[in-house]
Amino acid sequence: MIIRYDKDLSKQCIFANGDELAQIMGHDRDNDGNRVYNYPDDKKEHVVTIDNPVLVTNNYRISNLEPSLRDTVFALFSRPVTTTEYDGTKLRFEQKKYTGAWGPSIDTLLFCRGLEHINLEDVTDAIELGCGSGFLSKYTLDNAPNLENMTLVDFNKYAILCAYDNINDPRAMFVTGDAVKYLTGKSYDLILCNPPYILRPKSIDDNAYEGLELLHYMITNADEHLNDGGKIITNISSISRDEVYKFIEDAGVEAREIDSMEVPLKVYNVLNNEEWMNYLLDRHHLKKERKDGYDYWQRIAITEINV
């Protein structure tokens, strides 16, 4: 499956491609009536367009499609390989190969859209902390004209493998390990991070959504790790905005929102954990308010931080 987004994220276009054309879309005969099992991956067919997407996989909107189209789209989303395309950047993600990693999320794509609002021309040395699939770094490599070095760091070796498989660029360096330890003694023109952001008692900061330790470190130590004129671009969720802005105030740094989007909270290990949800509800970070098929929503703000 190919998922292609318009540059302004107003449309999500879903295509069947490769073998899906025979196995799902019914193109299993050639013009001579012979059985066809395989097609090249670059052969595709448009299936559906979703306007103003707020999730990569929006089960509610898909479920409201006509039955045959609905089931076709669900079948495509169940396939193990997805290619995401945004503004000329493409990334192929294979779930079974990259254990514990995630493909590009709506946060990732919003982050890329946000980069349009900063000057990338003066960036020569950049790093992404917790790179995941590597899409954001690949987008930066594609759009920062004077970039000389792009370092990708993630503690998950399979996330690094995904990034390595997708980025064929001599400017990229791949590091498996702890991002904070790697930063010791280093500084950059641009630090990118889509960090954990969901508060949890006694959180362990090894989950893509849990805790604020990485965000707190980046803000508190921004002056140590940014070159003159450098910037951190990060994601601040309404779930933890009050706490994060307290970090910003205490550190004396400047913060500027460059893009934002309201999206559903669709993190299963949070939604299905009663203790965790009660904690968020009790702290008034969340309230139950059903809209467009989802009970809980958050505002994602892509934010520029300067010393």
Protein backbone atom coordinates (compact mmCIF):
# COMPACT_ATOMS: atom_id res chain seq x y z
CA MET A 1 0.00 0.00 0.00
CA ILE A 2 1.08 3.55 -0.72
CA ILE A 3 -0.20 6.46 1.36
CA ARG A 4 0.43 9.83 -0.24
CA TYR A 5 -0.27 13.16 1.45
CA ASP A 6 -0.75 16.59 -0.07
CA LYS A 7 1.84 19.09 1.14
CA ASP A 8 -0.72 20.95 3.27
CA LEU A 9 -2.03 17.63 4.70
CA SER A 10 -5.48 18.35 3.31
CA LYS A 11 -5.69 14.97 1.57
CA GLN A 12 -4.58 11.41 2.26
CA CYS A 13 -4.58 9.35 -0.94
CA ILE A 14 -4.46 5.57 -0.55
CA PHE A 15 -3.20 3.35 -3.37
CA ALA A 16 -2.93 -0.40 -3.81
CA ASN A 17 0.38 -1.35 -5.39
CA GLY A 18 2.47 -4.34 -6.40
CA ASP A 19 1.02 -7.74 -5.61
CA GLU A 20 -2.01 -6.10 -3.94
CA LEU A 21 -3.32 -5.37 -7.42
CA ALA A 22 -3.79 -9.11 -8.00
CA GLN A 23 -4.56 -10.23 -4.45
CA ILE A 24 -6.94 -7.44 -3.40
CA MET A 25 -7.92 -5.35 -6.42
CA GLY A 26 -8.87 -8.26 -8.70
CA HIS A 27 -6.34 -7.69 -11.48
CA ASP A 28 -5.38 -11.36 -11.61
CA ARG A 29 -5.55 -11.92 -15.39
CA ASP A 30 -3.56 -10.42 -18.24
CA ASN A 31 -5.02 -9.47 -21.60
CA ASP A 32 -4.63 -13.06 -22.80
CA GLY A 33 -6.48 -14.50 -19.83
CA ASN A 34 -3.40 -15.86 -18.09
CA ARG A 35 -3.15 -15.81 -14.31
CA VAL A 36 -1.16 -12.88 -12.85
CA TYR A 37 0.23 -13.16 -9.35
CA ASN A 38 2.79 -10.39 -9.23
CA TYR A 39 3.15 -6.75 -10.23
CA PRO A 40 6.12 -4.42 -9.71
CA ASP A 41 5.86 -2.20 -6.64
CA ASP A 42 5.79 0.94 -8.76
CA LYS A 43 2.53 -0.14 -10.41
CA LYS A 44 -0.36 1.27 -8.40
CA GLU A 45 -4.08 2.03 -8.43
CA HIS A 46 -5.86 4.78 -6.50
CA VAL A 47 -8.40 3.37 -4.03
CA VAL A 48 -9.71 6.27 -1.92
CA THR A 49 -8.93 9.82 -0.79
CA ILE A 50 -9.60 10.94 2.78
CA ASP A 51 -9.94 14.69 3.28
CA ASN A 52 -8.26 16.49 6.18
CA PRO A 53 -6.71 13.39 7.79
CA VAL A 54 -6.12 13.51 11.55
CA LEU A 55 -4.72 9.98 11.78
CA VAL A 56 -2.75 7.76 9.44
CA THR A 57 -5.19 4.90 10.13
CA ASN A 58 -8.57 6.40 10.90
CA ASN A 59 -10.74 3.37 11.62
CA TYR A 60 -13.85 5.51 12.13
CA ARG A 61 -13.67 7.22 8.76
CA ILE A 62 -12.76 3.99 7.00
CA SER A 63 -15.71 2.21 8.63
CA ASN A 64 -18.07 4.82 7.18
CA LEU A 65 -17.06 4.09 3.59
CA GLU A 66 -19.26 1.96 1.34
CA PRO A 67 -18.94 -1.68 2.50
CA SER A 68 -16.82 -3.05 -0.36
CA LEU A 69 -14.55 0.00 -0.30
CA ARG A 70 -14.38 -0.13 3.50
CA ASP A 71 -13.26 -3.74 3.52
CA THR A 72 -10.76 -3.11 0.71
CA VAL A 73 -9.13 -0.27 2.64
CA PHE A 74 -9.00 -2.31 5.86
CA ALA A 75 -7.41 -5.15 3.87
CA LEU A 76 -4.75 -2.77 2.55
CA PHE A 77 -3.99 -1.46 6.04
CA SER A 78 -3.54 -5.05 7.24
CA ARG A 79 -0.74 -5.60 4.74
CA PRO A 80 2.76 -5.74 6.26
CA VAL A 81 4.38 -3.16 3.96
CA THR A 82 3.39 0.49 3.62
CA THR A 83 5.10 3.26 1.67
CA THR A 84 4.49 6.77 2.95
CA GLU A 85 4.95 9.73 0.60
CA TYR A 86 4.97 13.40 1.58
CA ASP A 87 6.30 16.34 -0.43
CA GLY A 88 8.66 14.16 -2.46
CA THR A 89 10.01 12.13 0.47
CA LYS A 90 9.22 8.41 0.47
CA LEU A 91 9.74 5.72 3.11
CA ARG A 92 9.01 2.01 2.93
CA PHE A 93 8.04 0.44 6.26
CA GLU A 94 7.73 -3.29 6.90
CA GLN A 95 6.25 -3.99 10.32
CA LYS A 96 7.50 -7.57 10.76
CA LYS A 97 11.03 -6.58 9.80
CA TYR A 98 11.31 -3.53 12.07
CA THR A 99 10.15 -4.92 15.40
CA GLY A 100 9.06 -2.34 17.96
CA ALA A 101 9.33 0.56 15.52
CA TRP A 102 6.48 2.61 14.11
CA GLY A 103 5.91 3.87 10.62
CA PRO A 104 5.34 7.60 10.09
CA SER A 105 2.43 8.92 12.18
CA ILE A 106 0.32 12.03 11.71
CA ASP A 107 2.73 13.67 14.20
CA THR A 108 5.61 12.92 11.83
CA LEU A 109 3.87 14.44 8.82
CA LEU A 110 2.77 17.51 10.80
CA PHE A 111 6.38 17.88 11.92
CA CYS A 112 7.52 17.88 8.28
CA ARG A 113 4.88 20.48 7.41
CA GLY A 114 6.12 22.58 10.32
CA LEU A 115 9.67 22.59 8.95
CA GLU A 116 8.39 24.74 6.08
CA HIS A 117 8.17 27.60 8.60
CA ILE A 118 11.84 27.63 9.58
CA ASN A 119 14.98 28.51 7.63
CA LEU A 120 16.82 25.31 6.77
CA GLU A 121 19.41 27.04 4.59
CA ASP A 122 21.71 27.79 7.53
CA VAL A 123 21.67 24.21 8.83
CA THR A 124 24.87 22.26 8.18
CA ASP A 125 24.87 19.84 11.14
CA ALA A 126 21.65 18.22 12.40
CA ILE A 127 20.57 15.36 14.65
CA GLU A 128 17.30 13.55 15.26
CA LEU A 129 16.81 12.08 18.73
CA GLY A 130 14.60 8.99 18.70
CA CYS A 131 14.44 8.83 14.91
CA GLY A 132 12.00 5.90 14.68
CA SER A 133 11.50 4.98 11.02
CA GLY A 134 13.75 7.83 9.90
CA PHE A 135 11.13 9.69 7.85
CA LEU A 136 11.75 13.05 9.50
CA SER A 137 15.51 12.84 8.98
CA LYS A 138 15.02 11.78 5.39
CA TYR A 139 12.72 14.75 4.82
CA THR A 140 15.35 17.05 6.33
CA LEU A 141 18.04 15.59 4.09
CA ASP A 142 15.76 16.21 1.12
CA ASN A 143 15.01 19.83 2.06
CA ALA A 144 18.02 21.37 3.85
CA PRO A 145 20.19 22.52 0.91
CA ASN A 146 23.42 23.07 2.85
CA LEU A 147 23.17 20.13 5.24
CA GLU A 148 26.48 18.29 5.57
CA ASN A 149 25.79 15.85 8.41
CA MET A 150 22.55 14.24 9.63
CA THR A 151 22.82 11.97 12.68
CA LEU A 152 19.97 9.59 13.54
CA VAL A 153 19.85 8.12 17.05
CA ASP A 154 17.44 5.54 18.46
CA PHE A 155 17.77 2.91 21.18
CA ASN A 156 15.79 0.44 19.02
CA LYS A 157 18.16 -1.26 16.58
CA TYR A 158 15.23 -2.12 14.31
CA ALA A 159 14.26 1.55 14.01
CA ILE A 160 17.82 2.31 12.98
CA LEU A 161 17.66 -0.57 10.49
CA CYS A 162 14.52 0.92 8.95
CA ALA A 163 16.17 4.32 8.66
CA TYR A 164 19.32 2.76 7.19
CA ASP A 165 17.31 0.76 4.64
CA ASN A 166 15.48 3.89 3.49
CA ILE A 167 18.18 6.55 3.52
CA ASN A 168 20.89 6.13 0.91
CA ASP A 169 22.77 9.33 1.62
CA PRO A 170 26.45 9.70 2.59
CA ARG A 171 25.55 12.64 4.87
CA ALA A 172 23.56 10.33 7.19
CA MET A 173 25.09 8.61 10.23
CA PHE A 174 23.14 5.97 12.16
CA VAL A 175 23.59 5.43 15.90
CA THR A 176 21.94 2.77 18.06
CA GLY A 177 21.87 3.84 21.68
CA ASP A 178 20.77 6.34 24.29
CA ALA A 179 20.25 9.78 22.74
CA VAL A 180 21.08 11.74 25.89
CA LYS A 181 24.37 9.89 26.39
CA TYR A 182 25.23 10.39 22.73
CA LEU A 183 24.69 14.16 23.02
CA THR A 184 27.41 14.53 25.66
CA GLY A 185 29.92 17.11 24.45
CA LYS A 186 28.16 17.66 21.10
CA SER A 187 26.27 20.60 19.60
CA TYR A 188 24.25 21.12 16.43
CA ASP A 189 22.56 23.72 14.25
CA LEU A 190 19.32 21.75 14.37
CA ILE A 191 18.01 19.19 16.85
CA LEU A 192 14.85 17.34 15.83
CA CYS A 193 12.84 15.27 18.29
CA ASN A 194 9.29 13.94 18.34
CA PRO A 195 9.59 12.89 22.00
CA PRO A 196 7.51 10.93 24.50
CA TYR A 197 4.79 13.25 25.80
CA ILE A 198 2.16 11.40 27.87
CA LEU A 199 2.48 11.87 31.63
CA ARG A 200 2.48 8.70 33.68
CA PRO A 201 3.37 8.04 37.33
CA LYS A 202 6.84 6.48 37.59
CA SER A 203 7.21 6.56 33.82
CA ILE A 204 10.07 4.71 32.15
CA ASP A 205 11.23 6.76 29.21
CA ASP A 206 11.62 3.93 26.72
CA ASN A 207 8.20 4.28 25.08
CA ALA A 208 7.37 6.53 22.15
CA TYR A 209 4.54 8.22 24.09
CA GLU A 210 5.42 7.92 27.77
CA GLY A 211 6.99 10.51 30.06
CA LEU A 212 8.78 13.85 29.67
CA GLU A 213 12.37 13.05 30.56
CA LEU A 214 13.83 13.53 27.08
CA LEU A 215 11.90 16.75 26.50
CA HIS A 216 12.97 18.09 29.90
CA TYR A 217 16.62 17.29 29.14
CA MET A 218 16.55 18.98 25.73
CA ILE A 219 14.96 22.18 27.06
CA THR A 220 17.13 22.37 30.18
CA ASN A 221 20.37 21.75 28.26
CA ALA A 222 19.53 23.60 25.04
CA ASP A 223 22.40 26.06 25.43
CA GLU A 224 24.88 23.19 25.75
CA HIS A 225 23.80 21.35 22.61
CA LEU A 226 22.91 24.18 20.19
CA ASN A 227 25.41 26.05 18.08
CA ASP A 228 25.02 29.84 17.76
CA GLY A 229 21.69 30.48 16.08
CA GLY A 230 20.73 26.82 16.46
CA LYS A 231 17.24 25.54 17.22
CA ILE A 232 15.37 22.58 18.62
CA ILE A 233 12.20 21.55 16.81
CA THR A 234 9.96 19.36 18.89
CA ASN A 235 6.37 18.30 19.48
CA ILE A 236 4.46 19.60 22.51
CA SER A 237 1.14 17.90 23.23
CA SER A 238 -1.72 19.54 25.10
CA ILE A 239 -1.59 16.46 27.35
CA SER A 240 1.58 17.81 28.93
CA ARG A 241 1.73 21.44 27.76
CA ASP A 242 1.56 22.98 31.24
CA GLU A 243 4.47 20.90 32.51
CA VAL A 244 6.58 21.50 29.40
CA TYR A 245 6.07 25.26 29.47
CA LYS A 246 7.19 25.23 33.08
CA PHE A 247 10.43 23.62 31.85
CA ILE A 248 10.72 26.36 29.21
CA GLU A 249 10.15 29.12 31.77
CA ASP A 250 12.65 27.65 34.23
CA ALA A 251 15.31 27.26 31.52
CA GLY A 252 14.83 30.79 30.18
CA VAL A 253 14.60 29.66 26.57
CA GLU A 254 12.26 30.95 23.88
CA ALA A 255 9.48 28.85 22.36
CA ARG A 256 7.49 29.53 19.19
CA GLU A 257 4.73 27.34 17.79
CA ILE A 258 5.22 26.87 14.06
CA ASP A 259 2.36 24.47 13.29
CA SER A 260 -0.39 22.56 15.08
CA MET A 261 -3.21 20.08 14.64
CA GLU A 262 -5.94 18.60 16.82
CA VAL A 263 -5.80 14.81 16.62
CA PRO A 264 -7.41 11.89 18.47
CA LEU A 265 -5.52 10.18 21.26
CA LYS A 266 -5.19 6.73 19.70
CA VAL A 267 -2.56 5.02 21.84
CA TYR A 268 -3.97 1.65 22.83
CA ASN A 269 -1.70 0.92 25.77
CA VAL A 270 -2.86 4.22 27.32
CA LEU A 271 -6.57 3.97 26.47
CA ASN A 272 -6.79 0.40 27.80
CA ASN A 273 -4.92 1.15 31.03
CA GLU A 274 -7.56 2.31 33.54
CA GLU A 275 -5.04 3.58 36.09
CA TRP A 276 -3.15 5.59 33.48
CA MET A 277 -6.32 7.09 32.01
CA ASN A 278 -7.67 8.03 35.44
CA TYR A 279 -4.39 9.77 36.19
CA LEU A 280 -4.68 11.88 33.03
CA LEU A 281 -8.35 12.64 33.61
CA ASP A 282 -7.79 13.57 37.26
CA ARG A 283 -5.04 16.02 36.28
CA HIS A 284 -7.40 17.68 33.75
CA HIS A 285 -5.08 16.95 30.86
CA LEU A 286 -7.88 15.03 29.18
CA LYS A 287 -11.63 15.12 29.13
CA LYS A 288 -14.03 12.71 27.50
CA GLU A 289 -15.76 14.43 24.63
CA ARG A 290 -16.76 12.24 21.69
CA LYS A 291 -16.14 13.82 18.30
CA ASP A 292 -15.73 12.26 14.87
CA GLY A 293 -15.68 8.78 16.36
CA TYR A 294 -13.09 9.35 19.10
CA ASP A 295 -13.51 10.10 22.81
CA TYR A 296 -10.22 11.84 23.57
CA TRP A 297 -8.35 14.48 21.59
CA GLN A 298 -5.07 16.33 21.94
CA ARG A 299 -3.52 19.34 20.28
CA ILE A 300 -0.11 18.64 18.78
CA ALA A 301 2.05 21.78 18.47
CA ILE A 302 5.29 21.67 16.50
CA THR A 303 7.48 24.09 18.41
CA GLU A 304 10.77 25.87 17.78
CA ILE A 305 12.98 26.37 20.85
CA ASN A 306 15.87 28.84 20.84
CA VAL A 307 18.36 29.83 23.51
